[in-house]
Amino acid sequence: MRTVLALLLGLFVSGCGKLGDPNAEPTYGKTGLPKNCKAIIQENVRAWRAREYSADETMESIDRNCGPNGRSWNQ
C-alpha cells in the first residue's frame, strides 16, 4: 500500500511541472482579446502608453482580471 501511495505521489509531483504556467506566454482568444493575465497586462500597458485609458482605468482592469479574485487566472 505504501509503495502504491509513493508511486502515485511521485507521478503527481512529476506531472505538476508539465502543466506549466498558464501565464508564461500571452494568449488571445478567437476574437483577438487577451485571455490570460500576461496578455491582459501587455494590452493594458500598451493602451495606457497610447493614452487610450487613464492610469486608474488601467489599474482597475488589471485588478478586475488579474487581481486576487481575477477572472483570467487559469485561462
N, C-alpha and C. Protein backbone atom coordinates (compact mmCIF):
# COMPACT_ATOMS: atom_id res chain seq x y z
N MET A 1 0.82 -1.19 0.00
CA MET A 1 0.00 0.00 0.00
C MET A 1 0.87 1.27 0.00
N ARG A 2 1.92 1.28 0.83
CA ARG A 2 2.81 2.44 0.87
C ARG A 2 3.52 2.63 -0.46
N THR A 3 3.86 1.55 -1.10
CA THR A 3 4.55 1.63 -2.39
C THR A 3 3.64 2.27 -3.43
N VAL A 4 2.38 1.87 -3.42
CA VAL A 4 1.41 2.42 -4.36
C VAL A 4 1.22 3.92 -4.10
N LEU A 5 1.07 4.30 -2.82
CA LEU A 5 0.91 5.72 -2.49
C LEU A 5 2.14 6.53 -2.89
N ALA A 6 3.32 5.98 -2.63
CA ALA A 6 4.55 6.67 -3.01
C ALA A 6 4.64 6.82 -4.52
N LEU A 7 4.25 5.80 -5.26
CA LEU A 7 4.27 5.85 -6.72
C LEU A 7 3.29 6.90 -7.24
N LEU A 8 2.08 6.92 -6.68
CA LEU A 8 1.08 7.91 -7.10
C LEU A 8 1.53 9.33 -6.77
N LEU A 9 2.11 9.53 -5.58
CA LEU A 9 2.61 10.84 -5.21
C LEU A 9 3.73 11.27 -6.16
N GLY A 10 4.62 10.36 -6.49
CA GLY A 10 5.70 10.66 -7.42
C GLY A 10 5.19 11.05 -8.80
N LEU A 11 4.19 10.33 -9.28
CA LEU A 11 3.59 10.65 -10.58
C LEU A 11 2.92 12.02 -10.56
N PHE A 12 2.23 12.30 -9.45
CA PHE A 12 1.55 13.60 -9.33
C PHE A 12 2.56 14.74 -9.33
N VAL A 13 3.60 14.61 -8.51
CA VAL A 13 4.61 15.67 -8.42
C VAL A 13 5.34 15.85 -9.74
N SER A 14 5.68 14.78 -10.40
CA SER A 14 6.40 14.90 -11.67
C SER A 14 5.50 15.47 -12.76
N GLY A 15 4.21 15.23 -12.67
CA GLY A 15 3.27 15.75 -13.67
C GLY A 15 2.96 17.22 -13.48
N CYS A 16 3.11 17.71 -12.25
CA CYS A 16 2.80 19.12 -11.98
C CYS A 16 3.68 20.06 -12.79
N GLY A 17 4.93 19.72 -12.96
CA GLY A 17 5.83 20.57 -13.73
C GLY A 17 5.48 20.62 -15.19
N LYS A 18 4.81 19.58 -15.67
CA LYS A 18 4.45 19.52 -17.09
C LYS A 18 3.23 20.37 -17.40
N LEU A 19 2.47 20.72 -16.36
CA LEU A 19 1.30 21.56 -16.59
C LEU A 19 1.71 22.95 -17.04
N GLY A 20 2.83 23.40 -16.53
CA GLY A 20 3.35 24.70 -16.94
C GLY A 20 2.60 25.85 -16.33
N ASP A 21 3.08 27.02 -16.61
CA ASP A 21 2.47 28.24 -16.12
C ASP A 21 1.53 28.76 -17.20
N PRO A 22 0.22 28.84 -16.92
CA PRO A 22 -0.72 29.31 -17.93
C PRO A 22 -0.51 30.77 -18.32
N ASN A 23 0.33 31.47 -17.56
CA ASN A 23 0.62 32.86 -17.87
C ASN A 23 2.04 33.07 -18.37
N ALA A 24 2.71 32.00 -18.75
CA ALA A 24 4.09 32.11 -19.23
C ALA A 24 4.15 32.86 -20.56
N GLU A 25 3.17 32.69 -21.38
CA GLU A 25 3.09 33.35 -22.69
C GLU A 25 1.73 34.03 -22.81
N PRO A 26 1.66 35.18 -23.44
CA PRO A 26 0.35 35.81 -23.63
C PRO A 26 -0.52 34.97 -24.57
N THR A 27 -1.77 34.80 -24.20
CA THR A 27 -2.69 34.07 -25.07
C THR A 27 -3.90 34.95 -25.37
N TYR A 28 -4.41 34.79 -26.57
CA TYR A 28 -5.54 35.58 -27.04
C TYR A 28 -6.62 34.65 -27.56
N GLY A 29 -7.87 35.06 -27.40
CA GLY A 29 -9.00 34.27 -27.87
C GLY A 29 -9.19 34.43 -29.37
N LYS A 30 -10.20 33.77 -29.89
CA LYS A 30 -10.50 33.83 -31.33
C LYS A 30 -10.85 35.23 -31.78
N THR A 31 -11.37 36.04 -30.87
CA THR A 31 -11.74 37.42 -31.21
C THR A 31 -10.55 38.36 -31.16
N GLY A 32 -9.42 37.88 -30.67
CA GLY A 32 -8.24 38.71 -30.56
C GLY A 32 -8.08 39.37 -29.19
N LEU A 33 -9.06 39.16 -28.33
CA LEU A 33 -8.98 39.73 -26.99
C LEU A 33 -8.07 38.88 -26.11
N PRO A 34 -7.38 39.50 -25.16
CA PRO A 34 -6.48 38.75 -24.29
C PRO A 34 -7.25 37.78 -23.40
N LYS A 35 -6.67 36.59 -23.21
CA LYS A 35 -7.30 35.57 -22.37
C LYS A 35 -6.61 35.39 -21.03
N ASN A 36 -5.30 35.54 -20.98
CA ASN A 36 -4.62 35.30 -19.71
C ASN A 36 -4.02 36.60 -19.19
N CYS A 37 -3.53 36.54 -17.96
CA CYS A 37 -3.04 37.76 -17.30
C CYS A 37 -1.85 38.38 -18.01
N LYS A 38 -0.97 37.57 -18.55
CA LYS A 38 0.19 38.15 -19.25
C LYS A 38 -0.28 39.01 -20.43
N ALA A 39 -1.24 38.52 -21.18
CA ALA A 39 -1.76 39.28 -22.32
C ALA A 39 -2.55 40.49 -21.85
N ILE A 40 -3.30 40.35 -20.78
CA ILE A 40 -4.08 41.46 -20.25
C ILE A 40 -3.16 42.59 -19.80
N ILE A 41 -2.11 42.24 -19.08
CA ILE A 41 -1.15 43.26 -18.62
C ILE A 41 -0.51 43.95 -19.83
N GLN A 42 -0.08 43.17 -20.81
CA GLN A 42 0.54 43.74 -22.01
C GLN A 42 -0.39 44.73 -22.69
N GLU A 43 -1.64 44.33 -22.87
CA GLU A 43 -2.60 45.19 -23.56
C GLU A 43 -2.93 46.43 -22.75
N ASN A 44 -3.03 46.29 -21.43
CA ASN A 44 -3.29 47.45 -20.59
C ASN A 44 -2.14 48.44 -20.65
N VAL A 45 -0.92 47.97 -20.59
CA VAL A 45 0.24 48.87 -20.66
C VAL A 45 0.29 49.55 -22.02
N ARG A 46 0.04 48.79 -23.09
CA ARG A 46 0.03 49.36 -24.44
C ARG A 46 -1.02 50.47 -24.54
N ALA A 47 -2.23 50.18 -24.04
CA ALA A 47 -3.32 51.16 -24.12
C ALA A 47 -3.03 52.39 -23.27
N TRP A 48 -2.42 52.20 -22.10
CA TRP A 48 -2.08 53.34 -21.25
C TRP A 48 -1.03 54.21 -21.93
N ARG A 49 -0.01 53.57 -22.52
CA ARG A 49 1.03 54.34 -23.22
C ARG A 49 0.47 55.11 -24.41
N ALA A 50 -0.54 54.53 -25.05
CA ALA A 50 -1.17 55.19 -26.19
C ALA A 50 -2.21 56.21 -25.73
N ARG A 51 -2.34 56.38 -24.42
CA ARG A 51 -3.27 57.32 -23.81
C ARG A 51 -4.73 57.00 -24.15
N GLU A 52 -5.00 55.71 -24.35
CA GLU A 52 -6.39 55.28 -24.58
C GLU A 52 -7.15 55.19 -23.26
N TYR A 53 -6.43 54.89 -22.18
CA TYR A 53 -7.04 54.76 -20.86
C TYR A 53 -6.18 55.47 -19.83
N SER A 54 -6.82 55.95 -18.78
CA SER A 54 -6.09 56.60 -17.69
C SER A 54 -5.39 55.53 -16.85
N ALA A 55 -4.52 55.97 -15.98
CA ALA A 55 -3.85 55.04 -15.07
C ALA A 55 -4.87 54.34 -14.18
N ASP A 56 -5.87 55.08 -13.70
CA ASP A 56 -6.90 54.46 -12.86
C ASP A 56 -7.68 53.39 -13.61
N GLU A 57 -8.07 53.68 -14.84
CA GLU A 57 -8.81 52.69 -15.64
C GLU A 57 -7.95 51.45 -15.91
N THR A 58 -6.68 51.69 -16.18
CA THR A 58 -5.75 50.59 -16.44
C THR A 58 -5.62 49.71 -15.20
N MET A 59 -5.42 50.33 -14.05
CA MET A 59 -5.27 49.56 -12.81
C MET A 59 -6.56 48.82 -12.45
N GLU A 60 -7.71 49.42 -12.70
CA GLU A 60 -8.98 48.74 -12.43
C GLU A 60 -9.13 47.50 -13.30
N SER A 61 -8.73 47.59 -14.55
CA SER A 61 -8.80 46.44 -15.45
C SER A 61 -7.87 45.34 -14.98
N ILE A 62 -6.65 45.71 -14.61
CA ILE A 62 -5.68 44.71 -14.15
C ILE A 62 -6.20 44.05 -12.88
N ASP A 63 -6.72 44.83 -11.94
CA ASP A 63 -7.24 44.26 -10.70
C ASP A 63 -8.44 43.36 -10.96
N ARG A 64 -9.36 43.80 -11.81
CA ARG A 64 -10.57 43.03 -12.12
C ARG A 64 -10.23 41.69 -12.77
N ASN A 65 -9.26 41.71 -13.65
CA ASN A 65 -8.94 40.49 -14.41
C ASN A 65 -7.83 39.65 -13.81
N CYS A 66 -6.86 40.28 -13.15
CA CYS A 66 -5.68 39.56 -12.69
C CYS A 66 -5.40 39.74 -11.21
N GLY A 67 -6.30 40.40 -10.49
CA GLY A 67 -6.14 40.56 -9.05
C GLY A 67 -6.37 39.24 -8.33
N PRO A 68 -6.40 39.27 -7.01
CA PRO A 68 -6.56 38.04 -6.23
C PRO A 68 -7.78 37.21 -6.63
N ASN A 69 -8.85 37.86 -7.02
CA ASN A 69 -10.06 37.15 -7.45
C ASN A 69 -10.34 37.38 -8.93
N GLY A 70 -9.28 37.61 -9.68
CA GLY A 70 -9.42 37.95 -11.10
C GLY A 70 -10.06 36.87 -11.94
N ARG A 71 -10.73 37.31 -12.98
CA ARG A 71 -11.44 36.41 -13.90
C ARG A 71 -10.51 35.59 -14.79
N SER A 72 -9.31 36.07 -14.99
CA SER A 72 -8.46 35.48 -16.02
C SER A 72 -7.44 34.48 -15.52
N TRP A 73 -7.44 34.15 -14.25
CA TRP A 73 -6.49 33.15 -13.77
C TRP A 73 -6.87 31.80 -14.36
N ASN A 74 -5.86 31.03 -14.70
CA ASN A 74 -6.03 29.68 -15.24
C ASN A 74 -6.75 29.65 -16.58
N GLN A 75 -6.66 30.70 -17.34
CA GLN A 75 -7.27 30.72 -18.69
C GLN A 75 -6.27 30.21 -19.70
